[in-house]
Amino acid sequence: MKYILGSPAYRFLAASFLWSFGANLIYFFLNFHLEALGYGRQAIGLAQALLLLVGVVSALPLAYLIPRLGYRKSFLLALALAVGSGFLLGFGLLVFPSLAGYGLAGALVQGAGAPLMARLIPAERRVSLFSLQAALTTASGFFSTLLAGALSEWVGARWVILFALPFFLLTLPFLVGLSEGQGTPPRLRGRFGIWLRLFLPQAVIGFGAGLVIPFLNLYLREKFGLSYGTTGLVFALSALATGVAMLLQPLLVRRLGKLGAIVFVQALSLPFMAILAWVPWLPLVTVALLIRGALMNAAGPVYAALVMDYLGEDERPGFFLMESALWSLLFALGSALSGVVQEAWGLGAFNYLFALTLGLYAVGIALWPWTFGRLRAAYRESSS
């Protein structure tokens, strides 16, 4: 324990776990919280869109601000925004401005987290420690969604989000001892084509995900008549399965390479998405939810490590912010569109939404080999 607390990398892992615990609690219960406040399905879709669009609007300014401010200070600023916005949101005050503040906090973490982690660990350990970080932060969803389900039965859906705030505050002691980790502003000249190529698969997948992923908890609760507690248990198990899959990613990377591991796990998830969409039997749907989420999301840390091979340190904050912004923009558009369709067609809308999501996922996965096939040569030409 003394070694873990004394190691900057492991201190950051602990901070990431606690941040994710609070963030997962808000993410899982936000829809139910907004319902309890009296918002309709279309408004919930717009709220999800706003949460993400803030990241889009702030991406380029933050790409220049974060390296100057410092990665650790950026994380601390994110904590302050998350606590303040979560407090107002939890009490139903200034709901949409609070969502904007919370979205900005998430953008700061997105831009500062990966570059700070890359500074703390050597290149040869990135896949294993990025996978460990992703597994811990995802597994935190297991406990936070279980807690959210239990709290909803105890205090009601109206107040659950307030319980995320202590976990944000507990992150602070683990960040205090870290080095600042300032960087340099990003070089955008000559990199746009490379970045765009890296963005494309994620953008296609992001739009498809936005159509259904933010509404999965509402979809399952309506389709099968689940209680808040049961819905929380199902999503908690999904987070746990994803964490386990992420821990196994280094083994796949050794066998298939980074690119092969990404394509393999994401392609394998598609049949389980189809089961989730159209099978009417809850036990099988639950298993499909666990496996789909685990496989589709397990590629995240490998993708982050693979991208690091092509980007200089000065590019990393800007790239991850812009990648997150583009993904979020399309995810938000998908969420807003999905909310309108659901408002008009009800539960039956998911038949069409899932079909479109499956098609977009398949296209995005097929683009991965094209993205990285000749990218190293293009990067070297750009660098020279």
Protein backbone atom coordinates (compact mmCIF):
# COMPACT_ATOMS: atom_id res chain seq x y z
CA MET A 1 0.00 0.00 0.00
CA LYS A 2 2.86 2.36 0.85
CA TYR A 3 4.42 1.66 -2.55
CA ILE A 4 1.13 2.27 -4.32
CA LEU A 5 0.48 5.57 -2.57
CA GLY A 6 4.08 6.64 -3.18
CA SER A 7 3.99 5.94 -6.90
CA PRO A 8 2.68 8.87 -8.99
CA ALA A 9 1.19 6.50 -11.57
CA TYR A 10 -0.76 4.56 -8.96
CA ARG A 11 -1.86 7.74 -7.20
CA PHE A 12 -3.30 8.86 -10.51
CA LEU A 13 -5.00 5.48 -10.92
CA ALA A 14 -6.64 5.93 -7.51
CA ALA A 15 -7.76 9.46 -8.45
CA SER A 16 -9.20 8.17 -11.73
CA PHE A 17 -11.12 5.45 -9.90
CA LEU A 18 -12.72 7.90 -7.47
CA TRP A 19 -13.52 10.43 -10.18
CA SER A 20 -15.11 7.72 -12.28
CA PHE A 21 -17.14 6.46 -9.32
CA GLY A 22 -18.86 9.82 -9.01
CA ALA A 23 -19.09 10.35 -12.79
CA ASN A 24 -20.59 6.89 -13.37
CA LEU A 25 -23.19 7.51 -10.69
CA ILE A 26 -24.25 10.72 -12.45
CA TYR A 27 -24.11 9.12 -15.89
CA PHE A 28 -26.24 6.15 -14.93
CA PHE A 29 -28.88 8.09 -12.97
CA LEU A 30 -29.08 11.35 -14.91
CA ASN A 31 -32.03 10.21 -17.05
CA PHE A 32 -33.98 9.05 -14.00
CA HIS A 33 -33.11 12.26 -12.15
CA LEU A 34 -34.40 14.40 -15.00
CA GLU A 35 -37.56 12.29 -15.17
CA ALA A 36 -38.09 12.85 -11.45
CA LEU A 37 -37.73 16.60 -12.05
CA GLY A 38 -40.56 16.39 -14.58
CA TYR A 39 -38.66 16.53 -17.88
CA GLY A 40 -40.00 14.62 -20.90
CA ARG A 41 -38.08 12.29 -23.18
CA GLN A 42 -37.25 14.95 -25.77
CA ALA A 43 -35.87 17.26 -23.05
CA ILE A 44 -33.78 14.39 -21.69
CA GLY A 45 -32.33 13.83 -25.16
CA LEU A 46 -31.47 17.52 -25.40
CA ALA A 47 -29.90 17.42 -21.95
CA GLN A 48 -27.68 14.53 -23.02
CA ALA A 49 -26.80 16.46 -26.16
CA LEU A 50 -25.93 19.62 -24.20
CA LEU A 51 -23.71 17.66 -21.84
CA LEU A 52 -21.63 16.55 -24.80
CA LEU A 53 -21.83 19.66 -26.97
CA VAL A 54 -20.06 21.65 -24.26
CA GLY A 55 -17.06 19.43 -24.87
CA VAL A 56 -17.26 20.16 -28.58
CA VAL A 57 -17.36 23.93 -28.15
CA SER A 58 -14.59 23.97 -25.55
CA ALA A 59 -12.25 21.47 -27.23
CA LEU A 60 -10.01 23.84 -29.18
CA PRO A 61 -9.72 26.50 -26.43
CA LEU A 62 -8.91 23.79 -23.88
CA ALA A 63 -6.32 22.28 -26.22
CA TYR A 64 -4.35 25.51 -25.79
CA LEU A 65 -5.31 26.19 -22.15
CA ILE A 66 -4.53 22.79 -20.61
CA PRO A 67 -0.82 22.64 -21.56
CA ARG A 68 -0.30 26.18 -20.24
CA LEU A 69 -2.35 25.66 -17.08
CA GLY A 70 -0.86 22.23 -16.39
CA TYR A 71 -2.41 18.79 -16.41
CA ARG A 72 -2.80 18.51 -12.63
CA LYS A 73 -4.29 22.02 -12.27
CA SER A 74 -6.69 21.21 -15.10
CA PHE A 75 -7.83 18.14 -13.20
CA LEU A 76 -8.30 20.23 -10.04
CA LEU A 77 -10.35 22.78 -11.98
CA ALA A 78 -12.49 19.92 -13.29
CA LEU A 79 -13.13 18.77 -9.72
CA ALA A 80 -14.28 22.25 -8.68
CA LEU A 81 -16.66 22.45 -11.65
CA ALA A 82 -18.00 18.94 -11.05
CA VAL A 83 -18.73 19.58 -7.39
CA GLY A 84 -20.41 22.95 -8.01
CA SER A 85 -22.43 21.77 -11.00
CA GLY A 86 -23.37 18.49 -9.31
CA PHE A 87 -24.64 20.37 -6.25
CA LEU A 88 -26.93 22.61 -8.32
CA LEU A 89 -28.07 19.74 -10.54
CA GLY A 90 -28.78 17.53 -7.53
CA PHE A 91 -31.12 20.15 -6.09
CA GLY A 92 -32.77 20.80 -9.46
CA LEU A 93 -31.39 24.34 -9.71
CA LEU A 94 -30.25 25.84 -13.04
CA VAL A 95 -30.39 22.35 -14.55
CA PHE A 96 -29.15 23.10 -18.06
CA PRO A 97 -26.38 25.54 -16.98
CA SER A 98 -25.32 22.92 -14.41
CA LEU A 99 -25.14 20.30 -17.12
CA ALA A 100 -22.97 22.67 -19.16
CA GLY A 101 -20.59 23.12 -16.20
CA TYR A 102 -20.41 19.40 -15.64
CA GLY A 103 -19.73 18.83 -19.34
CA LEU A 104 -16.84 21.31 -19.16
CA ALA A 105 -15.43 19.39 -16.18
CA GLY A 106 -15.53 16.20 -18.22
CA ALA A 107 -13.75 17.91 -21.13
CA LEU A 108 -10.95 19.05 -18.82
CA VAL A 109 -10.45 15.51 -17.54
CA GLN A 110 -10.55 14.17 -21.09
CA GLY A 111 -7.85 16.58 -22.23
CA ALA A 112 -5.56 16.34 -19.21
CA GLY A 113 -5.96 12.69 -18.12
CA ALA A 114 -4.29 10.72 -20.90
CA PRO A 115 -1.31 13.10 -21.36
CA LEU A 116 -0.69 13.16 -17.61
CA MET A 117 -0.86 9.37 -17.46
CA ALA A 118 1.54 9.13 -20.42
CA ARG A 119 4.03 11.33 -18.55
CA LEU A 120 3.88 9.14 -15.46
CA ILE A 121 4.61 5.79 -17.14
CA PRO A 122 7.20 4.57 -19.69
CA ALA A 123 6.04 3.77 -23.22
CA GLU A 124 6.53 0.01 -22.85
CA ARG A 125 4.06 -0.13 -19.94
CA ARG A 126 1.33 1.99 -21.51
CA VAL A 127 -0.91 -0.83 -22.74
CA SER A 128 -0.90 -2.62 -19.37
CA LEU A 129 -1.37 0.48 -17.21
CA PHE A 130 -3.86 2.15 -19.56
CA SER A 131 -5.81 -1.11 -19.51
CA LEU A 132 -5.58 -1.25 -15.71
CA GLN A 133 -6.79 2.34 -15.43
CA ALA A 134 -9.68 1.68 -17.80
CA ALA A 135 -10.57 -1.51 -15.94
CA LEU A 136 -10.59 0.25 -12.56
CA THR A 137 -12.59 3.24 -13.76
CA THR A 138 -15.07 1.00 -15.55
CA ALA A 139 -15.35 -1.40 -12.63
CA SER A 140 -16.15 1.61 -10.47
CA GLY A 141 -19.37 1.70 -12.46
CA PHE A 142 -20.26 -1.66 -10.92
CA PHE A 143 -20.28 -0.21 -7.43
CA SER A 144 -21.67 3.21 -8.36
CA THR A 145 -24.65 1.81 -10.27
CA LEU A 146 -25.39 -0.63 -7.45
CA LEU A 147 -25.23 2.30 -5.05
CA ALA A 148 -27.47 4.40 -7.31
CA GLY A 149 -30.10 1.65 -7.44
CA ALA A 150 -30.05 1.22 -3.67
CA LEU A 151 -30.14 4.97 -3.01
CA SER A 152 -33.13 5.41 -5.30
CA GLU A 153 -35.10 3.03 -3.09
CA TRP A 154 -33.93 4.83 0.05
CA VAL A 155 -34.07 8.55 -0.80
CA GLY A 156 -35.91 8.53 -4.15
CA ALA A 157 -34.69 9.19 -7.69
CA ARG A 158 -34.83 12.93 -7.06
CA TRP A 159 -31.76 13.01 -4.76
CA VAL A 160 -29.38 10.27 -5.92
CA ILE A 161 -27.02 12.52 -7.90
CA LEU A 162 -25.94 14.41 -4.77
CA PHE A 163 -24.18 11.27 -3.56
CA ALA A 164 -21.62 11.61 -6.36
CA LEU A 165 -20.11 14.71 -4.75
CA PRO A 166 -18.17 13.01 -1.91
CA PHE A 167 -16.36 10.82 -4.44
CA PHE A 168 -15.25 13.85 -6.43
CA LEU A 169 -13.89 15.41 -3.23
CA LEU A 170 -12.04 12.22 -2.27
CA THR A 171 -10.09 12.50 -5.52
CA LEU A 172 -8.32 15.63 -4.29
CA PRO A 173 -5.73 14.08 -1.89
CA PHE A 174 -4.41 11.75 -4.61
CA LEU A 175 -3.78 14.65 -6.99
CA VAL A 176 -2.03 16.92 -4.53
CA GLY A 177 1.29 15.07 -4.62
CA LEU A 178 1.55 14.73 -8.40
CA SER A 179 3.94 16.81 -10.49
CA GLU A 180 2.30 19.55 -12.50
CA GLY A 181 3.03 18.13 -15.93
CA GLN A 182 2.80 21.21 -18.11
CA GLY A 183 3.11 20.81 -21.86
CA THR A 184 3.33 22.95 -24.94
CA PRO A 185 0.46 24.20 -27.14
CA PRO A 186 -0.47 21.78 -29.92
CA ARG A 187 1.00 21.96 -33.39
CA LEU A 188 -1.94 21.74 -35.76
CA ARG A 189 -0.15 22.60 -38.98
CA GLY A 190 0.49 19.52 -41.08
CA ARG A 191 -1.37 17.25 -38.68
CA PHE A 192 -4.99 17.80 -39.66
CA GLY A 193 -5.10 15.02 -42.27
CA ILE A 194 -3.57 12.53 -39.86
CA TRP A 195 -5.92 13.53 -37.05
CA LEU A 196 -8.94 13.34 -39.35
CA ARG A 197 -7.98 9.82 -40.37
CA LEU A 198 -7.69 8.82 -36.73
CA PHE A 199 -11.03 10.46 -35.93
CA LEU A 200 -13.13 8.85 -38.64
CA PRO A 201 -13.89 5.38 -37.18
CA GLN A 202 -14.61 6.88 -33.76
CA ALA A 203 -16.91 9.47 -35.30
CA VAL A 204 -19.02 6.88 -37.13
CA ILE A 205 -19.23 4.69 -34.03
CA GLY A 206 -20.02 7.72 -31.86
CA PHE A 207 -23.07 8.69 -33.90
CA GLY A 208 -24.36 5.12 -33.81
CA ALA A 209 -23.80 4.90 -30.07
CA GLY A 210 -25.66 8.15 -29.43
CA LEU A 211 -28.83 6.71 -30.93
CA VAL A 212 -29.28 4.05 -28.24
CA ILE A 213 -26.57 3.96 -25.54
CA PRO A 214 -27.78 6.96 -23.45
CA PHE A 215 -31.26 5.44 -23.35
CA LEU A 216 -30.43 1.79 -22.58
CA ASN A 217 -31.50 2.11 -18.94
CA LEU A 218 -34.85 3.62 -19.95
CA TYR A 219 -35.25 1.06 -22.75
CA LEU A 220 -34.74 -1.94 -20.46
CA ARG A 221 -36.90 -0.52 -17.69
CA GLU A 222 -39.79 0.13 -20.09
CA LYS A 223 -39.47 -3.08 -22.12
CA PHE A 224 -39.25 -5.44 -19.13
CA GLY A 225 -40.87 -3.36 -16.37
CA LEU A 226 -37.72 -3.32 -14.22
CA SER A 227 -37.41 -1.42 -10.96
CA TYR A 228 -34.67 1.17 -10.43
CA GLY A 229 -32.78 -1.28 -8.22
CA THR A 230 -32.90 -4.11 -10.77
CA THR A 231 -31.86 -1.77 -13.58
CA GLY A 232 -28.96 -0.60 -11.44
CA LEU A 233 -27.87 -4.20 -10.81
CA VAL A 234 -27.91 -5.03 -14.55
CA PHE A 235 -25.76 -2.03 -15.44
CA ALA A 236 -23.47 -2.65 -12.50
CA LEU A 237 -22.77 -6.15 -13.79
CA SER A 238 -22.17 -4.68 -17.25
CA ALA A 239 -19.53 -2.33 -15.86
CA LEU A 240 -17.87 -5.20 -14.01
CA ALA A 241 -17.76 -7.32 -17.17
CA THR A 242 -16.22 -4.41 -19.09
CA GLY A 243 -13.53 -4.00 -16.44
CA VAL A 244 -12.61 -7.68 -16.67
CA ALA A 245 -12.46 -7.50 -20.48
CA MET A 246 -10.13 -4.51 -20.27
CA LEU A 247 -7.75 -6.42 -18.02
CA LEU A 248 -7.55 -9.14 -20.68
CA GLN A 249 -6.69 -6.71 -23.47
CA PRO A 250 -2.89 -6.87 -22.96
CA LEU A 251 -3.07 -10.63 -23.65
CA LEU A 252 -4.94 -10.01 -26.91
CA VAL A 253 -2.47 -7.29 -27.88
CA ARG A 254 0.41 -9.74 -27.51
CA ARG A 255 -1.36 -12.20 -29.82
CA LEU A 256 -3.08 -9.91 -32.33
CA GLY A 257 -1.30 -6.59 -32.03
CA LYS A 258 -2.99 -3.36 -30.96
CA LEU A 259 -4.97 -2.88 -34.17
CA GLY A 260 -6.03 -6.53 -34.36
CA ALA A 261 -7.21 -6.48 -30.76
CA ILE A 262 -9.40 -3.41 -31.39
CA VAL A 263 -11.05 -4.88 -34.50
CA PHE A 264 -11.52 -8.33 -32.95
CA VAL A 265 -13.32 -7.30 -29.77
CA GLN A 266 -15.53 -4.67 -31.40
CA ALA A 267 -16.60 -6.94 -34.26
CA LEU A 268 -17.38 -9.71 -31.77
CA SER A 269 -19.76 -7.36 -29.94
CA LEU A 270 -22.16 -6.91 -32.87
CA PRO A 271 -24.21 -10.14 -32.50
CA PHE A 272 -24.79 -9.32 -28.85
CA MET A 273 -26.10 -5.88 -29.80
CA ALA A 274 -28.65 -7.62 -32.05
CA ILE A 275 -29.74 -9.86 -29.15
CA LEU A 276 -30.09 -6.82 -26.91
CA ALA A 277 -32.26 -5.14 -29.51
CA TRP A 278 -34.70 -7.85 -30.56
CA VAL A 279 -34.74 -10.81 -28.16
CA PRO A 280 -37.72 -10.59 -25.75
CA TRP A 281 -36.23 -12.79 -22.99
CA LEU A 282 -34.69 -10.79 -20.13
CA PRO A 283 -31.99 -13.30 -19.00
CA LEU A 284 -30.51 -13.53 -22.51
CA VAL A 285 -30.81 -9.78 -23.00
CA THR A 286 -28.95 -9.23 -19.72
CA VAL A 287 -26.11 -11.52 -20.81
CA ALA A 288 -25.97 -9.76 -24.18
CA LEU A 289 -25.80 -6.36 -22.45
CA LEU A 290 -22.87 -7.52 -20.33
CA ILE A 291 -20.90 -9.00 -23.22
CA ARG A 292 -21.65 -6.21 -25.70
CA GLY A 293 -20.54 -3.49 -23.33
CA ALA A 294 -17.44 -5.42 -22.30
CA LEU A 295 -16.30 -6.09 -25.85
CA MET A 296 -17.12 -2.72 -27.40
CA ASN A 297 -15.55 -0.66 -24.63
CA ALA A 298 -12.53 -2.88 -23.95
CA ALA A 299 -10.82 -1.47 -27.04
CA GLY A 300 -10.62 2.02 -25.50
CA PRO A 301 -7.31 1.75 -23.63
CA VAL A 302 -5.65 -0.08 -26.54
CA TYR A 303 -6.80 2.67 -28.91
CA ALA A 304 -5.35 5.32 -26.56
CA ALA A 305 -2.01 3.48 -26.39
CA LEU A 306 -1.96 2.95 -30.16
CA VAL A 307 -2.62 6.63 -30.86
CA MET A 308 0.29 7.55 -28.59
CA ASP A 309 2.59 5.78 -31.08
CA TYR A 310 1.71 8.36 -33.74
CA LEU A 311 1.52 11.59 -31.73
CA GLY A 312 4.16 13.78 -30.18
CA GLU A 313 3.70 14.94 -26.61
CA ASP A 314 2.72 18.42 -27.72
CA GLU A 315 -0.12 16.97 -29.81
CA ARG A 316 -1.67 14.64 -27.24
CA PRO A 317 -3.91 17.03 -25.21
CA GLY A 318 -5.20 18.67 -28.38
CA PHE A 319 -5.80 15.37 -30.14
CA PHE A 320 -7.71 13.75 -27.31
CA LEU A 321 -9.80 16.87 -26.81
CA MET A 322 -10.62 17.18 -30.50
CA GLU A 323 -11.28 13.45 -30.82
CA SER A 324 -13.57 13.59 -27.80
CA ALA A 325 -15.26 16.71 -29.19
CA LEU A 326 -15.99 15.15 -32.56
CA TRP A 327 -17.18 11.92 -30.97
CA SER A 328 -19.31 13.89 -28.52
CA LEU A 329 -20.78 16.06 -31.28
CA LEU A 330 -21.98 13.06 -33.24
CA PHE A 331 -23.01 11.22 -30.08
CA ALA A 332 -25.02 14.28 -29.05
CA LEU A 333 -26.66 14.57 -32.46
CA GLY A 334 -27.57 10.90 -32.24
CA SER A 335 -29.01 11.40 -28.75
CA ALA A 336 -31.07 14.41 -29.78
CA LEU A 337 -32.38 12.62 -32.88
CA SER A 338 -33.17 9.52 -30.82
CA GLY A 339 -35.09 11.56 -28.27
CA VAL A 340 -37.29 13.07 -31.00
CA VAL A 341 -37.93 9.66 -32.58
CA GLN A 342 -38.78 8.09 -29.20
CA GLU A 343 -41.12 10.97 -28.37
CA ALA A 344 -43.00 10.28 -31.60
CA TRP A 345 -42.97 6.46 -31.73
CA GLY A 346 -42.44 5.33 -28.14
CA LEU A 347 -40.76 2.02 -27.35
CA GLY A 348 -41.19 0.78 -30.95
CA ALA A 349 -38.67 3.41 -32.11
CA PHE A 350 -35.85 1.27 -30.73
CA ASN A 351 -36.36 -1.35 -33.48
CA TYR A 352 -35.16 1.20 -36.05
CA LEU A 353 -32.61 2.88 -33.78
CA PHE A 354 -30.84 -0.37 -32.97
CA ALA A 355 -30.75 -1.35 -36.66
CA LEU A 356 -29.12 1.94 -37.60
CA THR A 357 -26.66 1.65 -34.72
CA LEU A 358 -25.61 -1.83 -35.79
CA GLY A 359 -24.99 -0.63 -39.35
CA LEU A 360 -22.89 2.33 -38.20
CA TYR A 361 -20.89 0.18 -35.79
CA ALA A 362 -20.07 -2.25 -38.62
CA VAL A 363 -18.88 0.61 -40.87
CA GLY A 364 -16.78 2.15 -38.09
CA ILE A 365 -15.10 -1.15 -37.24
CA ALA A 366 -14.36 -1.81 -40.91
CA LEU A 367 -12.58 1.57 -41.09
CA TRP A 368 -9.98 0.71 -38.42
CA PRO A 369 -7.60 -1.19 -40.76
CA TRP A 370 -7.86 1.61 -43.34
CA THR A 371 -7.14 4.21 -40.65
CA PHE A 372 -3.92 2.67 -39.42
CA GLY A 373 -2.85 0.80 -42.55
CA ARG A 374 -0.62 3.50 -44.02
CA LEU A 375 -0.71 5.98 -41.17
CA ARG A 376 2.85 5.49 -39.93
CA ALA A 377 4.25 6.40 -43.35
CA ALA A 378 1.96 9.44 -43.54
CA TYR A 379 3.04 10.54 -40.07
CA ARG A 380 6.71 10.26 -40.93
CA GLU A 381 6.21 12.25 -44.13
CA SER A 382 4.34 14.94 -42.17
CA SER A 383 7.05 15.06 -39.50
CA SER A 384 9.81 15.44 -42.09
